């Protein structure tokens, strides 16, 4: 599943009052799998940080839902999203640092 489709699925699960723990766990696993692959991306994933806002909004919604329901699967989904968000941020930041170092070497 591609990143945007995965975020859409998480949004749907968060907004749906009838999503199940199994749905949350399955989504969390897909998110975790994607986070493990971030380092393989050839270039920046979110250079304009457009996805960052979406991640933060989704994570806030998951926190609110967890407060209401106290479902462990919602917390797991939140944590998986935070892991992916962090992995993308680190990956993109590392590419900028690497590019800056390469430009300094060329001078």
PDB file of N, CA and C in Angstrom:
ATOM      1  N   UNK A   1       0.852  -1.180   0.000  1.00  0.00           N
ATOM      2  CA  UNK A   1       0.000   0.000   0.000  1.00  0.00           C
ATOM      3  C   UNK A   1       0.889   1.231   0.000  1.00  0.00           C
ATOM      4  N   UNK A   2       0.549   2.180  -0.845  1.00  0.00           N
ATOM      5  CA  UNK A   2       1.319   3.411  -0.933  1.00  0.00           C
ATOM      6  C   UNK A   2       0.975   4.333   0.237  1.00  0.00           C
ATOM      7  N   UNK A   3       1.886   5.259   0.494  1.00  0.00           N
ATOM      8  CA  UNK A   3       1.773   6.125   1.665  1.00  0.00           C
ATOM      9  C   UNK A   3       0.450   6.881   1.721  1.00  0.00           C
ATOM     10  N   UNK A   4       0.060   7.552   0.644  1.00  0.00           N
ATOM     11  CA  UNK A   4      -1.174   8.346   0.684  1.00  0.00           C
ATOM     12  C   UNK A   4      -2.401   7.465   0.889  1.00  0.00           C
ATOM     13  N   UNK A   5      -2.432   6.300   0.255  1.00  0.00           N
ATOM     14  CA  UNK A   5      -3.550   5.370   0.451  1.00  0.00           C
ATOM     15  C   UNK A   5      -3.586   4.878   1.888  1.00  0.00           C
ATOM     16  N   UNK A   6      -2.429   4.655   2.458  1.00  0.00           N
ATOM     17  CA  UNK A   6      -2.354   4.210   3.849  1.00  0.00           C
ATOM     18  C   UNK A   6      -2.860   5.301   4.793  1.00  0.00           C
ATOM     19  N   UNK A   7      -2.468   6.534   4.547  1.00  0.00           N
ATOM     20  CA  UNK A   7      -2.961   7.644   5.378  1.00  0.00           C
ATOM     21  C   UNK A   7      -4.463   7.808   5.226  1.00  0.00           C
ATOM     22  N   UNK A   8      -4.975   7.599   4.007  1.00  0.00           N
ATOM     23  CA  UNK A   8      -6.426   7.643   3.801  1.00  0.00           C
ATOM     24  C   UNK A   8      -7.123   6.552   4.601  1.00  0.00           C
ATOM     25  N   UNK A   9      -6.545   5.360   4.627  1.00  0.00           N
ATOM     26  CA  UNK A   9      -7.133   4.247   5.383  1.00  0.00           C
ATOM     27  C   UNK A   9      -7.121   4.526   6.880  1.00  0.00           C
ATOM     28  N   UNK A  10      -6.057   5.140   7.364  1.00  0.00           N
ATOM     29  CA  UNK A  10      -5.997   5.499   8.787  1.00  0.00           C
ATOM     30  C   UNK A  10      -7.039   6.564   9.099  1.00  0.00           C
ATOM     31  N   UNK A  11      -7.164   7.551   8.225  1.00  0.00           N
ATOM     32  CA  UNK A  11      -8.173   8.598   8.418  1.00  0.00           C
ATOM     33  C   UNK A  11      -9.562   7.991   8.500  1.00  0.00           C
ATOM     34  N   UNK A  12      -9.850   7.081   7.595  1.00  0.00           N
ATOM     35  CA  UNK A  12     -11.153   6.419   7.582  1.00  0.00           C
ATOM     36  C   UNK A  12     -11.378   5.630   8.876  1.00  0.00           C
ATOM     37  N   UNK A  13     -10.346   4.941   9.336  1.00  0.00           N
ATOM     38  CA  UNK A  13     -10.464   4.167  10.576  1.00  0.00           C
ATOM     39  C   UNK A  13     -10.682   5.075  11.785  1.00  0.00           C
ATOM     40  N   UNK A  14      -9.996   6.207  11.792  1.00  0.00           N
ATOM     41  CA  UNK A  14     -10.132   7.142  12.915  1.00  0.00           C
ATOM     42  C   UNK A  14     -11.527   7.757  12.932  1.00  0.00           C
ATOM     43  N   UNK A  15     -12.008   8.110  11.759  1.00  0.00           N
ATOM     44  CA  UNK A  15     -13.309   8.780  11.671  1.00  0.00           C
ATOM     45  C   UNK A  15     -14.471   7.811  11.843  1.00  0.00           C
ATOM     46  N   UNK A  16     -14.216   6.539  11.612  1.00  0.00           N
ATOM     47  CA  UNK A  16     -15.263   5.537  11.732  1.00  0.00           C
ATOM     48  C   UNK A  16     -15.372   5.086  13.185  1.00  0.00           C
ATOM     49  N   UNK A  17     -16.512   5.266  13.752  1.00  0.00           N
ATOM     50  CA  UNK A  17     -16.712   4.842  15.136  1.00  0.00           C
ATOM     51  C   UNK A  17     -16.774   3.338  15.291  1.00  0.00           C
ATOM     52  N   UNK A  18     -16.895   2.622  14.177  1.00  0.00           N
ATOM     53  CA  UNK A  18     -17.032   1.178  14.265  1.00  0.00           C
ATOM     54  C   UNK A  18     -15.798   0.421  13.777  1.00  0.00           C
ATOM     55  N   UNK A  19     -14.657   1.102  13.627  1.00  0.00           N
ATOM     56  CA  UNK A  19     -13.446   0.380  13.247  1.00  0.00           C
ATOM     57  C   UNK A  19     -13.021  -0.518  14.411  1.00  0.00           C
ATOM     58  N   UNK A  20     -12.438  -1.646  14.070  1.00  0.00           N
ATOM     59  CA  UNK A  20     -12.127  -2.658  15.076  1.00  0.00           C
ATOM     60  C   UNK A  20     -10.647  -2.661  15.436  1.00  0.00           C
ATOM     61  N   UNK A  21     -10.346  -3.339  16.525  1.00  0.00           N
ATOM     62  CA  UNK A  21      -8.953  -3.501  16.936  1.00  0.00           C
ATOM     63  C   UNK A  21      -8.158  -4.209  15.845  1.00  0.00           C
ATOM     64  N   UNK A  22      -8.779  -5.176  15.177  1.00  0.00           N
ATOM     65  CA  UNK A  22      -8.084  -5.887  14.098  1.00  0.00           C
ATOM     66  C   UNK A  22      -7.709  -4.934  12.970  1.00  0.00           C
ATOM     67  N   UNK A  23      -8.602  -4.001  12.654  1.00  0.00           N
ATOM     68  CA  UNK A  23      -8.304  -3.003  11.629  1.00  0.00           C
ATOM     69  C   UNK A  23      -7.122  -2.148  12.054  1.00  0.00           C
ATOM     70  N   UNK A  24      -7.130  -1.717  13.305  1.00  0.00           N
ATOM     71  CA  UNK A  24      -6.053  -0.866  13.823  1.00  0.00           C
ATOM     72  C   UNK A  24      -4.718  -1.599  13.791  1.00  0.00           C
ATOM     73  N   UNK A  25      -4.730  -2.851  14.215  1.00  0.00           N
ATOM     74  CA  UNK A  25      -3.490  -3.637  14.255  1.00  0.00           C
ATOM     75  C   UNK A  25      -2.963  -3.872  12.839  1.00  0.00           C
ATOM     76  N   UNK A  26      -3.859  -4.187  11.904  1.00  0.00           N
ATOM     77  CA  UNK A  26      -3.435  -4.406  10.518  1.00  0.00           C
ATOM     78  C   UNK A  26      -2.836  -3.134   9.923  1.00  0.00           C
ATOM     79  N   UNK A  27      -3.470  -1.997  10.172  1.00  0.00           N
ATOM     80  CA  UNK A  27      -2.940  -0.723   9.681  1.00  0.00           C
ATOM     81  C   UNK A  27      -1.600  -0.399  10.337  1.00  0.00           C
ATOM     82  N   UNK A  28      -1.498  -0.634  11.632  1.00  0.00           N
ATOM     83  CA  UNK A  28      -0.247  -0.372  12.344  1.00  0.00           C
ATOM     84  C   UNK A  28       0.888  -1.212  11.762  1.00  0.00           C
ATOM     85  N   UNK A  29       0.594  -2.453  11.405  1.00  0.00           N
ATOM     86  CA  UNK A  29       1.624  -3.316  10.814  1.00  0.00           C
ATOM     87  C   UNK A  29       2.050  -2.799   9.444  1.00  0.00           C
ATOM     88  N   UNK A  30       1.097  -2.368   8.628  1.00  0.00           N
ATOM     89  CA  UNK A  30       1.430  -1.816   7.314  1.00  0.00           C
ATOM     90  C   UNK A  30       2.265  -0.544   7.450  1.00  0.00           C
ATOM     91  N   UNK A  31       1.911   0.278   8.426  1.00  0.00           N
ATOM     92  CA  UNK A  31       2.652   1.517   8.675  1.00  0.00           C
ATOM     93  C   UNK A  31       4.071   1.193   9.118  1.00  0.00           C
ATOM     94  N   UNK A  32       4.200   0.230  10.018  1.00  0.00           N
ATOM     95  CA  UNK A  32       5.520  -0.179  10.509  1.00  0.00           C
ATOM     96  C   UNK A  32       6.376  -0.737   9.375  1.00  0.00           C
ATOM     97  N   UNK A  33       5.762  -1.543   8.513  1.00  0.00           N
ATOM     98  CA  UNK A  33       6.488  -2.089   7.362  1.00  0.00           C
ATOM     99  C   UNK A  33       6.983  -0.965   6.457  1.00  0.00           C
ATOM    100  N   UNK A  34       6.144   0.031   6.236  1.00  0.00           N
ATOM    101  CA  UNK A  34       6.529   1.157   5.393  1.00  0.00           C
ATOM    102  C   UNK A  34       7.649   1.967   6.054  1.00  0.00           C
ATOM    103  N   UNK A  35       7.576   2.154   7.366  1.00  0.00           N
ATOM    104  CA  UNK A  35       8.615   2.888   8.089  1.00  0.00           C
ATOM    105  C   UNK A  35       9.970   2.199   7.935  1.00  0.00           C
ATOM    106  N   UNK A  36       9.957   0.869   7.902  1.00  0.00           N
ATOM    107  CA  UNK A  36      11.202   0.121   7.728  1.00  0.00           C
ATOM    108  C   UNK A  36      11.816   0.330   6.349  1.00  0.00           C
ATOM    109  N   UNK A  37      11.025   0.740   5.387  1.00  0.00           N
ATOM    110  CA  UNK A  37      11.502   0.904   4.011  1.00  0.00           C
ATOM    111  C   UNK A  37      11.850   2.349   3.652  1.00  0.00           C
ATOM    112  N   UNK A  38      11.615   3.280   4.541  1.00  0.00           N
ATOM    113  CA  UNK A  38      11.840   4.699   4.243  1.00  0.00           C
ATOM    114  C   UNK A  38      13.269   4.961   3.788  1.00  0.00           C
ATOM    115  N   UNK A  39      14.225   4.334   4.410  1.00  0.00           N
ATOM    116  CA  UNK A  39      15.625   4.561   4.070  1.00  0.00           C
ATOM    117  C   UNK A  39      15.990   4.183   2.644  1.00  0.00           C
ATOM    118  N   UNK A  40      15.161   3.395   1.995  1.00  0.00           N
ATOM    119  CA  UNK A  40      15.421   2.970   0.626  1.00  0.00           C
ATOM    120  C   UNK A  40      14.943   3.993  -0.407  1.00  0.00           C
ATOM    121  N   UNK A  41      14.236   5.013   0.011  1.00  0.00           N
ATOM    122  CA  UNK A  41      13.734   6.020  -0.938  1.00  0.00           C
ATOM    123  C   UNK A  41      14.904   6.755  -1.584  1.00  0.00           C
ATOM    124  N   UNK A  42      14.832   6.945  -2.887  1.00  0.00           N
ATOM    125  CA  UNK A  42      15.912   7.587  -3.631  1.00  0.00           C
ATOM    126  C   UNK A  42      16.078   9.065  -3.295  1.00  0.00           C
ATOM    127  N   UNK A  43      14.973   9.698  -2.993  1.00  0.00           N
ATOM    128  CA  UNK A  43      15.023  11.134  -2.727  1.00  0.00           C
ATOM    129  C   UNK A  43      14.140  11.475  -1.552  1.00  0.00           C
ATOM    130  N   UNK A  44      13.960  12.749  -1.307  1.00  0.00           N
ATOM    131  CA  UNK A  44      13.103  13.174  -0.204  1.00  0.00           C
ATOM    132  C   UNK A  44      11.669  12.684  -0.399  1.00  0.00           C
ATOM    133  N   UNK A  45      11.031  12.367   0.690  1.00  0.00           N
ATOM    134  CA  UNK A  45       9.650  11.878   0.653  1.00  0.00           C
ATOM    135  C   UNK A  45       8.675  13.027   0.864  1.00  0.00           C
ATOM    136  N   UNK A  46       9.030  13.946   1.739  1.00  0.00           N
ATOM    137  CA  UNK A  46       8.140  15.066   2.064  1.00  0.00           C
ATOM    138  C   UNK A  46       8.944  16.365   2.147  1.00  0.00           C
ATOM    139  N   UNK A  47       9.548  16.788   1.026  1.00  0.00           N
ATOM    140  CA  UNK A  47      10.425  17.963   1.085  1.00  0.00           C
ATOM    141  C   UNK A  47       9.708  19.256   1.464  1.00  0.00           C
ATOM    142  N   UNK A  48       8.439  19.402   1.093  1.00  0.00           N
ATOM    143  CA  UNK A  48       7.693  20.611   1.441  1.00  0.00           C
ATOM    144  C   UNK A  48       6.953  20.461   2.764  1.00  0.00           C
ATOM    145  N   UNK A  49       7.086  19.319   3.398  1.00  0.00           N
ATOM    146  CA  UNK A  49       6.471  19.006   4.696  1.00  0.00           C
ATOM    147  C   UNK A  49       4.950  19.092   4.636  1.00  0.00           C
ATOM    148  N   UNK A  50       4.381  18.737   3.505  1.00  0.00           N
ATOM    149  CA  UNK A  50       2.920  18.701   3.381  1.00  0.00           C
ATOM    150  C   UNK A  50       2.342  17.517   4.144  1.00  0.00           C
ATOM    151  N   UNK A  51       3.041  16.397   4.078  1.00  0.00           N
ATOM    152  CA  UNK A  51       2.566  15.209   4.790  1.00  0.00           C
ATOM    153  C   UNK A  51       2.714  15.362   6.301  1.00  0.00           C
ATOM    154  N   UNK A  52       3.667  16.168   6.735  1.00  0.00           N
ATOM    155  CA  UNK A  52       3.900  16.352   8.163  1.00  0.00           C
ATOM    156  C   UNK A  52       2.631  16.856   8.858  1.00  0.00           C
ATOM    157  N   UNK A  53       1.952  17.801   8.234  1.00  0.00           N
ATOM    158  CA  UNK A  53       0.706  18.317   8.812  1.00  0.00           C
ATOM    159  C   UNK A  53      -0.347  17.219   8.898  1.00  0.00           C
ATOM    160  N   UNK A  54      -0.403  16.398   7.873  1.00  0.00           N
ATOM    161  CA  UNK A  54      -1.393  15.316   7.867  1.00  0.00           C
ATOM    162  C   UNK A  54      -1.082  14.296   8.962  1.00  0.00           C
ATOM    163  N   UNK A  55       0.195  13.960   9.115  1.00  0.00           N
ATOM    164  CA  UNK A  55       0.582  13.050  10.186  1.00  0.00           C
ATOM    165  C   UNK A  55       0.171  13.612  11.546  1.00  0.00           C
ATOM    166  N   UNK A  56       0.479  14.874  11.773  1.00  0.00           N
ATOM    167  CA  UNK A  56       0.194  15.485  13.069  1.00  0.00           C
ATOM    168  C   UNK A  56      -1.308  15.549  13.347  1.00  0.00           C
ATOM    169  N   UNK A  57      -2.094  15.853  12.325  1.00  0.00           N
ATOM    170  CA  UNK A  57      -3.547  15.878  12.486  1.00  0.00           C
ATOM    171  C   UNK A  57      -4.081  14.492  12.809  1.00  0.00           C
ATOM    172  N   UNK A  58      -3.602  13.491  12.084  1.00  0.00           N
ATOM    173  CA  UNK A  58      -4.036  12.114  12.341  1.00  0.00           C
ATOM    174  C   UNK A  58      -3.639  11.653  13.745  1.00  0.00           C
ATOM    175  N   UNK A  59      -2.428  11.980  14.146  1.00  0.00           N
ATOM    176  CA  UNK A  59      -1.975  11.558  15.468  1.00  0.00           C
ATOM    177  C   UNK A  59      -2.790  12.241  16.566  1.00  0.00           C
ATOM    178  N   UNK A  60      -3.153  13.499  16.356  1.00  0.00           N
ATOM    179  CA  UNK A  60      -4.004  14.199  17.327  1.00  0.00           C
ATOM    180  C   UNK A  60      -5.381  13.543  17.396  1.00  0.00           C
ATOM    181  N   UNK A  61      -5.924  13.170  16.247  1.00  0.00           N
ATOM    182  CA  UNK A  61      -7.221  12.486  16.226  1.00  0.00           C
ATOM    183  C   UNK A  61      -7.147  11.145  16.938  1.00  0.00           C
ATOM    184  N   UNK A  62      -6.043  10.438  16.739  1.00  0.00           N
ATOM    185  CA  UNK A  62      -5.869   9.151  17.423  1.00  0.00           C
ATOM    186  C   UNK A  62      -5.736   9.341  18.934  1.00  0.00           C
ATOM    187  N   UNK A  63      -5.039  10.392  19.355  1.00  0.00           N
ATOM    188  CA  UNK A  63      -4.933  10.675  20.801  1.00  0.00           C
ATOM    189  C   UNK A  63      -6.315  10.949  21.386  1.00  0.00           C
ATOM    190  N   UNK A  64      -7.107  11.744  20.676  1.00  0.00           N
ATOM    191  CA  UNK A  64      -8.461  12.059  21.150  1.00  0.00           C
ATOM    192  C   UNK A  64      -9.324  10.798  21.224  1.00  0.00           C
ATOM    193  N   UNK A  65      -9.205   9.963  20.200  1.00  0.00           N
ATOM    194  CA  UNK A  65      -9.995   8.718  20.219  1.00  0.00           C
ATOM    195  C   UNK A  65      -9.547   7.809  21.358  1.00  0.00           C
ATOM    196  N   UNK A  66      -8.263   7.770  21.616  1.00  0.00           N
ATOM    197  CA  UNK A  66      -7.762   6.930  22.704  1.00  0.00           C
ATOM    198  C   UNK A  66      -8.278   7.429  24.054  1.00  0.00           C
ATOM    199  N   UNK A  67      -8.336   8.735  24.210  1.00  0.00           N
ATOM    200  CA  UNK A  67      -8.878   9.294  25.458  1.00  0.00           C
ATOM    201  C   UNK A  67     -10.330   8.845  25.647  1.00  0.00           C
ATOM    202  N   UNK A  68     -11.090   8.829  24.552  1.00  0.00           N
ATOM    203  CA  UNK A  68     -12.501   8.433  24.622  1.00  0.00           C
ATOM    204  C   UNK A  68     -12.679   6.938  24.853  1.00  0.00           C
ATOM    205  N   UNK A  69     -11.860   6.127  24.188  1.00  0.00           N
ATOM    206  CA  UNK A  69     -12.110   4.685  24.174  1.00  0.00           C
ATOM    207  C   UNK A  69     -11.127   3.867  25.006  1.00  0.00           C
ATOM    208  N   UNK A  70      -9.938   4.403  25.210  1.00  0.00           N
ATOM    209  CA  UNK A  70      -8.869   3.700  25.922  1.00  0.00           C
ATOM    210  C   UNK A  70      -8.507   2.371  25.239  1.00  0.00           C
ATOM    211  N   UNK A  71      -8.678   2.311  23.920  1.00  0.00           N
ATOM    212  CA  UNK A  71      -8.357   1.108  23.155  1.00  0.00           C
ATOM    213  C   UNK A  71      -6.847   1.016  22.932  1.00  0.00           C
ATOM    214  N   UNK A  72      -6.222  -0.085  23.351  1.00  0.00           N
ATOM    215  CA  UNK A  72      -4.778  -0.246  23.123  1.00  0.00           C
ATOM    216  C   UNK A  72      -4.419  -0.244  21.633  1.00  0.00           C
ATOM    217  N   UNK A  73      -5.320  -0.734  20.790  1.00  0.00           N
ATOM    218  CA  UNK A  73      -5.023  -0.776  19.354  1.00  0.00           C
ATOM    219  C   UNK A  73      -4.950   0.621  18.756  1.00  0.00           C
ATOM    220  N   UNK A  74      -5.675   1.564  19.315  1.00  0.00           N
ATOM    221  CA  UNK A  74      -5.613   2.953  18.853  1.00  0.00           C
ATOM    222  C   UNK A  74      -4.256   3.549  19.230  1.00  0.00           C
ATOM    223  N   UNK A  75      -3.791   3.236  20.430  1.00  0.00           N
ATOM    224  CA  UNK A  75      -2.467   3.701  20.852  1.00  0.00           C
ATOM    225  C   UNK A  75      -1.376   3.094  19.978  1.00  0.00           C
ATOM    226  N   UNK A  76      -1.520   1.817  19.624  1.00  0.00           N
ATOM    227  CA  UNK A  76      -0.539   1.160  18.757  1.00  0.00           C
ATOM    228  C   UNK A  76      -0.519   1.806  17.378  1.00  0.00           C
ATOM    229  N   UNK A  77      -1.679   2.155  16.866  1.00  0.00           N
ATOM    230  CA  UNK A  77      -1.781   2.820  15.568  1.00  0.00           C
ATOM    231  C   UNK A  77      -1.120   4.198  15.631  1.00  0.00           C
ATOM    232  N   UNK A  78      -1.371   4.922  16.703  1.00  0.00           N
ATOM    233  CA  UNK A  78      -0.737   6.226  16.903  1.00  0.00           C
ATOM    234  C   UNK A  78       0.779   6.088  16.924  1.00  0.00           C
ATOM    235  N   UNK A  79       1.282   5.120  17.683  1.00  0.00           N
ATOM    236  CA  UNK A  79       2.727   4.947  17.815  1.00  0.00           C
ATOM    237  C   UNK A  79       3.369   4.549  16.492  1.00  0.00           C
ATOM    238  N   UNK A  80       2.686   3.714  15.718  1.00  0.00           N
ATOM    239  CA  UNK A  80       3.208   3.327  14.411  1.00  0.00           C
ATOM    240  C   UNK A  80       3.275   4.542  13.484  1.00  0.00           C
ATOM    241  N   UNK A  81       2.246   5.388  13.527  1.00  0.00           N
ATOM    242  CA  UNK A  81       2.253   6.606  12.716  1.00  0.00           C
ATOM    243  C   UNK A  81       3.385   7.533  13.124  1.00  0.00           C
ATOM    244  N   UNK A  82       3.597   7.657  14.423  1.00  0.00           N
ATOM    245  CA  UNK A  82       4.690   8.496  14.921  1.00  0.00           C
ATOM    246  C   UNK A  82       6.035   7.954  14.456  1.00  0.00           C
ATOM    247  N   UNK A  83       6.181   6.634  14.434  1.00  0.00           N
ATOM    248  CA  UNK A  83       7.413   6.002  13.966  1.00  0.00           C
ATOM    249  C   UNK A  83       7.649   6.326  12.487  1.00  0.00           C
ATOM    250  N   UNK A  84       6.614   6.201  11.673  1.00  0.00           N
ATOM    251  CA  UNK A  84       6.742   6.496  10.245  1.00  0.00           C
ATOM    252  C   UNK A  84       7.035   7.972  10.018  1.00  0.00           C
ATOM    253  N   UNK A  85       6.337   8.818  10.720  1.00  0.00           N
ATOM    254  CA  UNK A  85       6.550  10.269  10.595  1.00  0.00           C
ATOM    255  C   UNK A  85       7.999  10.620  10.939  1.00  0.00           C
ATOM    256  N   UNK A  86       8.496  10.063  12.026  1.00  0.00           N
ATOM    257  CA  UNK A  86       9.883  10.311  12.433  1.00  0.00           C
ATOM    258  C   UNK A  86      10.882   9.782  11.419  1.00  0.00           C
ATOM    259  N   UNK A  87      10.604   8.598  10.875  1.00  0.00           N
ATOM    260  CA  UNK A  87      11.506   8.005   9.883  1.00  0.00           C
ATOM    261  C   UNK A  87      11.581   8.875   8.627  1.00  0.00           C
ATOM    262  N   UNK A  88      10.451   9.392   8.193  1.00  0.00           N
ATOM    263  CA  UNK A  88      10.433  10.266   7.011  1.00  0.00           C
ATOM    264  C   UNK A  88      11.185  11.562   7.303  1.00  0.00           C
ATOM    265  N   UNK A  89      10.943  12.148   8.464  1.00  0.00           N
ATOM    266  CA  UNK A  89      11.650  13.384   8.828  1.00  0.00           C
ATOM    267  C   UNK A  89      13.163  13.172   8.857  1.00  0.00           C
ATOM    268  N   UNK A  90      13.599  12.080   9.496  1.00  0.00           N
ATOM    269  CA  UNK A  90      15.034  11.801   9.572  1.00  0.00           C
ATOM    270  C   UNK A  90      15.624  11.566   8.180  1.00  0.00           C
ATOM    271  N   UNK A  91      14.927  10.791   7.378  1.00  0.00           N
ATOM    272  CA  UNK A  91      15.402  10.491   6.021  1.00  0.00           C
ATOM    273  C   UNK A  91      15.579  11.779   5.217  1.00  0.00           C
ATOM    274  N   UNK A  92      14.556  12.616   5.218  1.00  0.00           N
ATOM    275  CA  UNK A  92      14.626  13.852   4.446  1.00  0.00           C
ATOM    276  C   UNK A  92      15.696  14.790   4.990  1.00  0.00           C
ATOM    277  N   UNK A  93      15.805  14.890   6.301  1.00  0.00           N
ATOM    278  CA  UNK A  93      16.821  15.746   6.922  1.00  0.00           C
ATOM    279  C   UNK A  93      18.228  15.239   6.586  1.00  0.00           C
ATOM    280  N   UNK A  94      18.424  13.928   6.631  1.00  0.00           N
ATOM    281  CA  UNK A  94      19.729  13.349   6.301  1.00  0.00           C
ATOM    282  C   UNK A  94      20.116  13.629   4.859  1.00  0.00           C
ATOM    283  N   UNK A  95      19.133  13.596   3.952  1.00  0.00           N
ATOM    284  CA  UNK A  95      19.424  13.894   2.543  1.00  0.00           C
ATOM    285  C   UNK A  95      19.850  15.346   2.376  1.00  0.00           C
ATOM    286  N   UNK A  96      19.223  16.258   3.102  1.00  0.00           N
ATOM    287  CA  UNK A  96      19.594  17.678   3.018  1.00  0.00           C
ATOM    288  C   UNK A  96      21.013  17.867   3.532  1.00  0.00           C
ATOM    289  N   UNK A  97      21.344  17.238   4.651  1.00  0.00           N
ATOM    290  CA  UNK A  97      22.687  17.351   5.227  1.00  0.00           C
ATOM    291  C   UNK A  97      23.713  16.758   4.268  1.00  0.00           C
ATOM    292  N   UNK A  98      23.382  15.608   3.684  1.00  0.00           N
ATOM    293  CA  UNK A  98      24.290  14.969   2.733  1.00  0.00           C
ATOM    294  C   UNK A  98      24.496  15.844   1.496  1.00  0.00           C
ATOM    295  N   UNK A  99      23.407  16.424   0.985  1.00  0.00           N
ATOM    296  CA  UNK A  99      23.497  17.292  -0.194  1.00  0.00           C
ATOM    297  C   UNK A  99      24.343  18.529   0.115  1.00  0.00           C
ATOM    298  N   UNK A 100      24.143  19.116   1.316  1.00  0.00           N
ATOM    299  CA  UNK A 100      24.934  20.285   1.704  1.00  0.00           C
ATOM    300  C   UNK A 100      26.412  19.932   1.808  1.00  0.00           C
ATOM    301  N   UNK A 101      26.717  18.769   2.358  1.00  0.00           N
ATOM    302  CA  UNK A 101      28.117  18.341   2.488  1.00  0.00           C
ATOM    303  C   UNK A 101      28.728  18.098   1.115  1.00  0.00           C
ATOM    304  N   UNK A 102      27.954  17.508   0.207  1.00  0.00           N
ATOM    305  CA  UNK A 102      28.448  17.282  -1.150  1.00  0.00           C
ATOM    306  C   UNK A 102      28.729  18.594  -1.864  1.00  0.00           C
ATOM    307  N   UNK A 103      27.869  19.595  -1.658  1.00  0.00           N
ATOM    308  CA  UNK A 103      28.092  20.908  -2.286  1.00  0.00           C
ATOM    309  C   UNK A 103      29.331  21.582  -1.727  1.00  0.00           C
ATOM    310  N   UNK A 104      29.593  21.427  -0.425  1.00  0.00           N
ATOM    311  CA  UNK A 104      30.798  22.007   0.172  1.00  0.00           C
ATOM    312  C   UNK A 104      32.048  21.335  -0.371  1.00  0.00           C
ATOM    313  N   UNK A 105      31.969  20.031  -0.610  1.00  0.00           N
ATOM    314  CA  UNK A 105      33.118  19.300  -1.158  1.00  0.00           C
ATOM    315  C   UNK A 105      33.444  19.741  -2.566  1.00  0.00           C
ATOM    316  N   UNK A 106      32.444  20.170  -3.312  1.00  0.00           N
ATOM    317  CA  UNK A 106      32.646  20.599  -4.695  1.00  0.00           C
ATOM    318  C   UNK A 106      33.312  21.961  -4.782  1.00  0.00           C
ATOM    319  N   UNK A 107      33.233  22.753  -3.738  1.00  0.00           N
ATOM    320  CA  UNK A 107      33.788  24.116  -3.772  1.00  0.00           C
ATOM    321  C   UNK A 107      35.251  24.130  -3.609  1.00  0.00           C
TER     322      UNK A 107
END
